[in-house]
Structures are given as structure tokens and as C-alpha cells.
Protein backbone atom coordinates (compact mmCIF):
# COMPACT_ATOMS: atom_id res chain seq x y z
CA UNK A 1 6.19 -28.69 -38.93
CA UNK A 2 9.58 -27.05 -37.69
CA UNK A 3 8.40 -23.84 -39.06
CA UNK A 4 5.13 -24.17 -37.07
CA UNK A 5 6.70 -25.24 -33.76
CA UNK A 6 9.09 -22.07 -34.24
CA UNK A 7 6.09 -19.89 -34.91
CA UNK A 8 4.47 -21.33 -31.72
CA UNK A 9 7.37 -20.72 -29.57
CA UNK A 10 7.88 -17.35 -30.82
CA UNK A 11 4.23 -16.65 -29.85
CA UNK A 12 4.77 -18.10 -26.69
CA UNK A 13 7.73 -15.84 -25.88
CA UNK A 14 5.69 -12.66 -27.04
CA UNK A 15 2.99 -13.83 -24.63
CA UNK A 16 5.28 -14.28 -21.79
CA UNK A 17 7.23 -11.17 -22.17
CA UNK A 18 3.92 -9.11 -22.66
CA UNK A 19 2.14 -10.93 -19.84
CA UNK A 20 5.04 -10.53 -17.39
CA UNK A 21 5.07 -6.93 -18.24
CA UNK A 22 1.44 -6.59 -17.22
CA UNK A 23 2.04 -8.70 -14.03
CA UNK A 24 4.83 -6.67 -12.81
CA UNK A 25 2.91 -3.38 -13.54
CA UNK A 26 -0.18 -4.88 -11.69
CA UNK A 27 1.62 -6.27 -8.70
CA UNK A 28 3.67 -3.00 -8.51
CA UNK A 29 0.53 -0.83 -8.47
CA UNK A 30 -1.04 -3.14 -5.89
CA UNK A 31 1.70 -2.70 -3.72
CA UNK A 32 1.86 1.11 -4.29
CA UNK A 33 -1.75 0.97 -3.22
CA UNK A 34 -1.12 -1.04 -0.06
CA UNK A 35 1.98 1.27 0.92
CA UNK A 36 -0.48 4.36 0.45
CA UNK A 37 -3.22 2.92 2.70
CA UNK A 38 -0.81 2.04 5.36
CA UNK A 39 0.79 5.62 5.18
CA UNK A 40 -2.88 7.08 5.17
CA UNK A 41 -3.87 4.98 8.37
CA UNK A 42 -0.65 5.68 10.11
CA UNK A 43 -0.94 9.37 9.66
CA UNK A 44 -4.66 9.24 10.59
CA UNK A 45 -3.60 7.30 13.79
CA UNK A 46 -0.75 9.96 14.73
CA UNK A 47 -3.11 13.08 13.93
CA UNK A 48 -5.80 11.50 16.29
CA UNK A 49 -3.20 10.88 18.92
CA UNK A 50 -1.97 14.58 18.89
CA UNK A 51 -5.41 15.74 18.75
CA UNK A 52 -6.20 13.69 21.83
CA UNK A 53 -3.32 15.21 23.52
CA UNK A 54 -4.01 18.65 22.65
CA UNK A 55 -7.67 18.02 23.78
CA UNK A 56 -6.16 17.02 27.15
CA UNK A 57 -3.84 19.81 27.55
CA UNK A 58 -6.41 22.40 26.48
CA UNK A 59 -9.08 20.94 28.67
CA UNK A 60 -6.98 20.95 31.62
CA UNK A 61 -7.59 17.44 32.49
CA UNK A 62 -5.00 15.61 34.75
CA UNK A 63 -4.58 11.83 35.29
CA UNK A 64 -3.55 12.64 38.77
CA UNK A 65 -6.11 10.96 40.99
CA UNK A 66 -5.28 13.56 43.77
CA UNK A 67 -6.82 16.35 41.60
CA UNK A 68 -10.35 14.78 41.39
């Protein structure tokens, strides 16, 4: 009975270590994807802002109400 209990405890440790490794890998990949998406969205927003400002400069449109 002691040998069976020790074997089950050893198997539980193997499952915990292996499962923990898979869990850490999965969570880190998920966080990497979240950061990549946030970085991509921020870069798109910055590019859109710069493009809009370039459009306004090159088009020559002023926000000054006296110019209309």
C-alpha cells in the first residue's frame, strides 16, 4: 500500500510539473499575443494621426474660422 501511495504521489508530481510548464508556456504566449496586438493597434493609431496631420498640411486647410 505504501508503494502504491508513493507511486501515485510521484505521478502527481510529474503531472504537476509537466502541467505547470504547459500552463506557464500557454500564459506567456497569450500575454505575448496581447502585447503584440496592443502594439499593433497603437502603431496604427499613431500612423493614422500622422497621416491625418500630413493630409491637413498638404491640403492647406486651416482651422482658423476667419479663413473660411
